[in-house]
Amino acid sequence: MTVRPRVEVRRVYEDPSDRDGARVLVDGIWPRGLSKEKADLDEWCKAVAPSTDLRKWYAHDPDRFEEFGRRYRNELSESDRAEALTHLRDLARKRKLTLLTATKRADISQATVLADLLRG
């Protein structure tokens, strides 16, 4: 029986929790006004972030989220991003994984797309 990886999505600005497991920032840009100490990350996996062009096109417009997800999943097949995604899969197999993002709406972010892929 296969156990689904435990993957959560949270905003990086929220206080860390003992229940987070591995805390990984998946944004390509460091969050404004946040120190590395306050972020309390296990790692910053910026290689898995969407391209600048895709991020700018999307602009966190809820009406574009479905298309963003499709385009982003396509980008994740590129070698550097695919390698980073494999790394996240390995982490998620070993322990709970919390994907962190600075966006105001984590539910329509690349972290949510990633979490769905990793749980799948």
N, C-alpha and C. Protein backbone atom coordinates (compact mmCIF):
# COMPACT_ATOMS: atom_id res chain seq x y z
N MET A 1 0.84 -1.19 0.00
CA MET A 1 0.00 0.00 0.00
C MET A 1 0.88 1.24 0.00
N THR A 2 0.59 2.16 -0.89
CA THR A 2 1.36 3.39 -1.00
C THR A 2 0.73 4.47 -0.13
N VAL A 3 1.58 5.14 0.62
CA VAL A 3 1.12 6.24 1.47
C VAL A 3 1.33 7.53 0.70
N ARG A 4 0.27 8.33 0.62
CA ARG A 4 0.38 9.63 -0.04
C ARG A 4 1.28 10.54 0.77
N PRO A 5 2.19 11.24 0.10
CA PRO A 5 3.04 12.19 0.82
C PRO A 5 2.20 13.25 1.52
N ARG A 6 2.65 13.63 2.70
CA ARG A 6 1.99 14.71 3.45
C ARG A 6 2.63 16.02 3.04
N VAL A 7 1.89 16.78 2.26
CA VAL A 7 2.39 18.05 1.74
C VAL A 7 1.39 19.15 2.08
N GLU A 8 1.88 20.20 2.69
CA GLU A 8 1.06 21.36 3.05
C GLU A 8 1.56 22.58 2.29
N VAL A 9 0.72 23.58 2.19
CA VAL A 9 1.08 24.87 1.61
C VAL A 9 0.77 25.95 2.63
N ARG A 10 1.75 26.81 2.87
CA ARG A 10 1.56 27.91 3.82
C ARG A 10 2.28 29.15 3.30
N ARG A 11 1.87 30.28 3.84
CA ARG A 11 2.60 31.52 3.55
C ARG A 11 3.86 31.56 4.40
N VAL A 12 4.94 32.00 3.82
CA VAL A 12 6.22 32.04 4.51
C VAL A 12 6.20 33.07 5.65
N TYR A 13 5.27 34.01 5.59
CA TYR A 13 5.17 35.04 6.63
C TYR A 13 4.49 34.53 7.90
N GLU A 14 3.83 33.37 7.83
CA GLU A 14 3.21 32.79 9.01
C GLU A 14 4.30 32.22 9.92
N ASP A 15 4.03 32.23 11.23
CA ASP A 15 5.00 31.68 12.17
C ASP A 15 5.21 30.19 11.90
N PRO A 16 6.47 29.73 11.98
CA PRO A 16 6.74 28.31 11.81
C PRO A 16 6.02 27.48 12.87
N SER A 17 5.74 26.24 12.53
CA SER A 17 5.08 25.32 13.45
C SER A 17 5.91 24.05 13.58
N ASP A 18 5.84 23.42 14.74
CA ASP A 18 6.52 22.14 14.93
C ASP A 18 5.96 21.07 14.01
N ARG A 19 4.75 21.28 13.49
CA ARG A 19 4.09 20.31 12.62
C ARG A 19 4.42 20.51 11.13
N ASP A 20 5.29 21.47 10.81
CA ASP A 20 5.60 21.77 9.42
C ASP A 20 6.42 20.70 8.72
N GLY A 21 7.22 19.97 9.45
CA GLY A 21 8.15 19.06 8.78
C GLY A 21 9.23 19.88 8.09
N ALA A 22 9.63 19.45 6.89
CA ALA A 22 10.62 20.20 6.12
C ALA A 22 9.96 21.46 5.56
N ARG A 23 10.55 22.60 5.81
CA ARG A 23 10.02 23.89 5.34
C ARG A 23 10.83 24.34 4.14
N VAL A 24 10.17 24.40 2.96
CA VAL A 24 10.87 24.72 1.72
C VAL A 24 10.17 25.88 1.01
N LEU A 25 10.92 26.96 0.80
CA LEU A 25 10.41 28.09 0.04
C LEU A 25 10.50 27.74 -1.45
N VAL A 26 9.39 27.92 -2.18
CA VAL A 26 9.35 27.55 -3.60
C VAL A 26 9.15 28.76 -4.51
N ASP A 27 9.44 29.95 -4.02
CA ASP A 27 9.38 31.18 -4.81
C ASP A 27 10.74 31.43 -5.45
N GLY A 28 10.73 32.10 -6.58
CA GLY A 28 11.98 32.44 -7.25
C GLY A 28 12.62 33.70 -6.72
N ILE A 29 11.84 34.49 -5.98
CA ILE A 29 12.31 35.76 -5.42
C ILE A 29 12.17 35.69 -3.90
N TRP A 30 13.20 36.19 -3.19
CA TRP A 30 13.13 36.19 -1.73
C TRP A 30 12.00 37.09 -1.25
N PRO A 31 11.22 36.66 -0.25
CA PRO A 31 10.09 37.45 0.26
C PRO A 31 10.53 38.79 0.87
N ARG A 32 9.81 39.83 0.50
CA ARG A 32 10.11 41.18 1.00
C ARG A 32 9.99 41.25 2.52
N GLY A 33 10.98 41.93 3.11
CA GLY A 33 10.92 42.23 4.53
C GLY A 33 11.06 41.05 5.47
N LEU A 34 11.51 39.91 4.97
CA LEU A 34 11.61 38.71 5.80
C LEU A 34 13.07 38.30 5.93
N SER A 35 13.53 38.19 7.17
CA SER A 35 14.91 37.76 7.39
C SER A 35 14.99 36.23 7.24
N LYS A 36 16.17 35.75 6.97
CA LYS A 36 16.36 34.30 6.85
C LYS A 36 16.07 33.61 8.18
N GLU A 37 16.41 34.26 9.28
CA GLU A 37 16.15 33.68 10.59
C GLU A 37 14.65 33.54 10.84
N LYS A 38 13.89 34.57 10.51
CA LYS A 38 12.44 34.56 10.72
C LYS A 38 11.76 33.52 9.81
N ALA A 39 12.29 33.36 8.61
CA ALA A 39 11.71 32.40 7.66
C ALA A 39 11.87 30.96 8.17
N ASP A 40 12.96 30.69 8.87
CA ASP A 40 13.21 29.38 9.47
C ASP A 40 13.03 28.26 8.43
N LEU A 41 13.75 28.38 7.33
CA LEU A 41 13.64 27.41 6.24
C LEU A 41 14.62 26.26 6.40
N ASP A 42 14.22 25.13 5.86
CA ASP A 42 15.17 24.04 5.68
C ASP A 42 15.93 24.25 4.37
N GLU A 43 15.23 24.81 3.39
CA GLU A 43 15.89 25.17 2.14
C GLU A 43 15.03 26.10 1.30
N TRP A 44 15.69 26.70 0.33
CA TRP A 44 15.03 27.55 -0.65
C TRP A 44 15.24 26.87 -2.00
N CYS A 45 14.18 26.34 -2.56
CA CYS A 45 14.24 25.60 -3.82
C CYS A 45 13.75 26.50 -4.95
N LYS A 46 14.55 27.50 -5.29
CA LYS A 46 14.11 28.46 -6.30
C LYS A 46 14.14 27.88 -7.71
N ALA A 47 14.84 26.77 -7.93
CA ALA A 47 14.88 26.16 -9.26
C ALA A 47 13.52 25.63 -9.69
N VAL A 48 12.62 25.39 -8.74
CA VAL A 48 11.30 24.86 -9.07
C VAL A 48 10.27 25.96 -9.35
N ALA A 49 10.66 27.19 -9.13
CA ALA A 49 9.74 28.33 -9.31
C ALA A 49 9.37 28.52 -10.80
N PRO A 50 8.21 29.09 -11.05
CA PRO A 50 7.83 29.38 -12.44
C PRO A 50 8.77 30.42 -13.06
N SER A 51 8.85 30.42 -14.37
CA SER A 51 9.67 31.40 -15.07
C SER A 51 9.16 32.81 -14.79
N THR A 52 10.02 33.78 -14.96
CA THR A 52 9.64 35.18 -14.77
C THR A 52 8.50 35.55 -15.72
N ASP A 53 8.61 35.11 -16.97
CA ASP A 53 7.56 35.43 -17.95
C ASP A 53 6.20 34.87 -17.51
N LEU A 54 6.19 33.63 -17.05
CA LEU A 54 4.93 33.02 -16.62
C LEU A 54 4.40 33.72 -15.37
N ARG A 55 5.28 34.00 -14.43
CA ARG A 55 4.87 34.68 -13.19
C ARG A 55 4.26 36.04 -13.49
N LYS A 56 4.88 36.79 -14.39
CA LYS A 56 4.37 38.12 -14.74
C LYS A 56 3.05 38.01 -15.50
N TRP A 57 2.93 37.04 -16.41
CA TRP A 57 1.68 36.86 -17.16
C TRP A 57 0.54 36.54 -16.19
N TYR A 58 0.81 35.65 -15.26
CA TYR A 58 -0.22 35.19 -14.33
C TYR A 58 -0.67 36.31 -13.38
N ALA A 59 0.28 36.99 -12.77
CA ALA A 59 0.01 38.11 -11.85
C ALA A 59 -1.01 37.74 -10.77
N HIS A 60 -1.09 36.48 -10.41
CA HIS A 60 -2.00 35.96 -9.38
C HIS A 60 -3.46 36.34 -9.62
N ASP A 61 -3.82 36.35 -10.89
CA ASP A 61 -5.20 36.60 -11.29
C ASP A 61 -5.98 35.29 -11.15
N PRO A 62 -6.94 35.21 -10.23
CA PRO A 62 -7.68 33.97 -10.02
C PRO A 62 -8.30 33.40 -11.29
N ASP A 63 -8.69 34.26 -12.22
CA ASP A 63 -9.28 33.80 -13.47
C ASP A 63 -8.27 33.10 -14.37
N ARG A 64 -6.98 33.29 -14.11
CA ARG A 64 -5.93 32.67 -14.91
C ARG A 64 -5.30 31.45 -14.23
N PHE A 65 -5.76 31.10 -13.03
CA PHE A 65 -5.09 30.04 -12.27
C PHE A 65 -5.08 28.70 -13.00
N GLU A 66 -6.17 28.31 -13.59
CA GLU A 66 -6.21 27.02 -14.28
C GLU A 66 -5.19 26.99 -15.42
N GLU A 67 -5.17 28.03 -16.22
CA GLU A 67 -4.20 28.10 -17.32
C GLU A 67 -2.78 28.23 -16.80
N PHE A 68 -2.61 28.97 -15.72
CA PHE A 68 -1.29 29.07 -15.08
C PHE A 68 -0.81 27.68 -14.67
N GLY A 69 -1.68 26.92 -14.03
CA GLY A 69 -1.32 25.58 -13.60
C GLY A 69 -0.89 24.70 -14.77
N ARG A 70 -1.61 24.78 -15.87
CA ARG A 70 -1.27 23.99 -17.05
C ARG A 70 0.10 24.40 -17.59
N ARG A 71 0.33 25.70 -17.72
CA ARG A 71 1.61 26.20 -18.24
C ARG A 71 2.76 25.88 -17.28
N TYR A 72 2.49 26.01 -16.00
CA TYR A 72 3.53 25.74 -15.00
C TYR A 72 3.90 24.26 -14.99
N ARG A 73 2.91 23.39 -15.03
CA ARG A 73 3.21 21.94 -15.09
C ARG A 73 4.05 21.63 -16.33
N ASN A 74 3.79 22.33 -17.42
CA ASN A 74 4.59 22.15 -18.63
C ASN A 74 6.04 22.60 -18.39
N GLU A 75 6.21 23.74 -17.72
CA GLU A 75 7.56 24.22 -17.40
C GLU A 75 8.30 23.24 -16.49
N LEU A 76 7.58 22.54 -15.65
CA LEU A 76 8.22 21.61 -14.71
C LEU A 76 8.86 20.41 -15.40
N SER A 77 8.63 20.26 -16.71
CA SER A 77 9.28 19.17 -17.45
C SER A 77 10.67 19.60 -17.94
N GLU A 78 11.00 20.89 -17.86
CA GLU A 78 12.33 21.38 -18.23
C GLU A 78 13.35 20.83 -17.24
N SER A 79 14.56 20.56 -17.70
CA SER A 79 15.54 19.80 -16.91
C SER A 79 15.80 20.32 -15.50
N ASP A 80 16.11 21.61 -15.35
CA ASP A 80 16.41 22.14 -14.01
C ASP A 80 15.19 22.06 -13.09
N ARG A 81 14.03 22.42 -13.61
CA ARG A 81 12.81 22.37 -12.80
C ARG A 81 12.42 20.92 -12.51
N ALA A 82 12.59 20.04 -13.47
CA ALA A 82 12.26 18.62 -13.26
C ALA A 82 13.15 18.02 -12.18
N GLU A 83 14.40 18.39 -12.18
CA GLU A 83 15.33 17.92 -11.16
C GLU A 83 14.92 18.43 -9.77
N ALA A 84 14.53 19.69 -9.71
CA ALA A 84 14.09 20.28 -8.44
C ALA A 84 12.79 19.62 -7.96
N LEU A 85 11.88 19.31 -8.88
CA LEU A 85 10.64 18.62 -8.52
C LEU A 85 10.93 17.23 -7.99
N THR A 86 11.86 16.53 -8.60
CA THR A 86 12.27 15.20 -8.11
C THR A 86 12.83 15.32 -6.70
N HIS A 87 13.61 16.34 -6.46
CA HIS A 87 14.16 16.57 -5.12
C HIS A 87 13.04 16.77 -4.10
N LEU A 88 12.03 17.56 -4.45
CA LEU A 88 10.89 17.78 -3.55
C LEU A 88 10.13 16.46 -3.32
N ARG A 89 9.99 15.66 -4.35
CA ARG A 89 9.33 14.35 -4.19
C ARG A 89 10.09 13.48 -3.20
N ASP A 90 11.41 13.49 -3.30
CA ASP A 90 12.24 12.72 -2.37
C ASP A 90 12.05 13.21 -0.94
N LEU A 91 12.03 14.52 -0.75
CA LEU A 91 11.79 15.07 0.59
C LEU A 91 10.43 14.64 1.13
N ALA A 92 9.41 14.72 0.27
CA ALA A 92 8.04 14.40 0.69
C ALA A 92 7.89 12.92 1.04
N ARG A 93 8.68 12.06 0.44
CA ARG A 93 8.62 10.62 0.77
C ARG A 93 9.19 10.34 2.16
N LYS A 94 10.13 11.18 2.59
CA LYS A 94 10.83 10.95 3.84
C LYS A 94 10.11 11.51 5.06
N ARG A 95 9.42 12.64 4.87
CA ARG A 95 8.76 13.31 6.00
C ARG A 95 7.75 14.31 5.47
N LYS A 96 7.00 14.87 6.37
CA LYS A 96 6.04 15.89 5.97
C LYS A 96 6.79 17.07 5.34
N LEU A 97 6.18 17.66 4.32
CA LEU A 97 6.79 18.75 3.59
C LEU A 97 5.83 19.93 3.57
N THR A 98 6.33 21.09 3.96
CA THR A 98 5.54 22.32 3.88
C THR A 98 6.17 23.22 2.83
N LEU A 99 5.40 23.47 1.77
CA LEU A 99 5.83 24.35 0.70
C LEU A 99 5.42 25.77 1.07
N LEU A 100 6.37 26.67 1.03
CA LEU A 100 6.14 28.04 1.46
C LEU A 100 6.20 29.01 0.29
N THR A 101 5.32 29.99 0.33
CA THR A 101 5.27 31.03 -0.69
C THR A 101 4.95 32.37 -0.03
N ALA A 102 5.39 33.44 -0.66
CA ALA A 102 5.13 34.77 -0.12
C ALA A 102 3.83 35.37 -0.65
N THR A 103 3.23 34.74 -1.63
CA THR A 103 2.02 35.29 -2.23
C THR A 103 0.91 35.42 -1.20
N LYS A 104 0.05 36.42 -1.41
CA LYS A 104 -1.06 36.64 -0.47
C LYS A 104 -2.10 35.53 -0.55
N ARG A 105 -2.25 34.93 -1.71
CA ARG A 105 -3.23 33.85 -1.91
C ARG A 105 -2.49 32.55 -2.21
N ALA A 106 -2.07 31.86 -1.16
CA ALA A 106 -1.34 30.61 -1.34
C ALA A 106 -2.18 29.57 -2.08
N ASP A 107 -3.50 29.67 -1.99
CA ASP A 107 -4.39 28.69 -2.62
C ASP A 107 -4.39 28.78 -4.15
N ILE A 108 -3.87 29.86 -4.70
CA ILE A 108 -3.77 29.99 -6.16
C ILE A 108 -2.33 30.29 -6.55
N SER A 109 -1.41 29.63 -5.90
CA SER A 109 0.02 29.86 -6.14
C SER A 109 0.67 28.62 -6.76
N GLN A 110 1.91 28.79 -7.17
CA GLN A 110 2.67 27.66 -7.67
C GLN A 110 2.86 26.60 -6.60
N ALA A 111 2.88 27.00 -5.34
CA ALA A 111 3.02 26.04 -4.24
C ALA A 111 1.84 25.07 -4.22
N THR A 112 0.65 25.55 -4.53
CA THR A 112 -0.53 24.69 -4.58
C THR A 112 -0.44 23.72 -5.75
N VAL A 113 0.02 24.20 -6.89
CA VAL A 113 0.21 23.31 -8.06
C VAL A 113 1.22 22.23 -7.71
N LEU A 114 2.32 22.63 -7.09
CA LEU A 114 3.35 21.67 -6.68
C LEU A 114 2.82 20.64 -5.70
N ALA A 115 2.09 21.13 -4.69
CA ALA A 115 1.55 20.23 -3.67
C ALA A 115 0.64 19.18 -4.31
N ASP A 116 -0.20 19.59 -5.24
CA ASP A 116 -1.09 18.64 -5.93
C ASP A 116 -0.27 17.59 -6.69
N LEU A 117 0.80 18.03 -7.35
CA LEU A 117 1.66 17.09 -8.07
C LEU A 117 2.33 16.11 -7.12
N LEU A 118 2.82 16.63 -6.02
CA LEU A 118 3.55 15.79 -5.05
C LEU A 118 2.63 14.80 -4.34
N ARG A 119 1.41 15.19 -4.11
CA ARG A 119 0.44 14.30 -3.46
C ARG A 119 -0.05 13.22 -4.40
N GLY A 120 -0.04 13.56 -5.72
CA GLY A 120 -0.62 12.71 -6.75
C GLY A 120 -0.05 11.35 -6.83
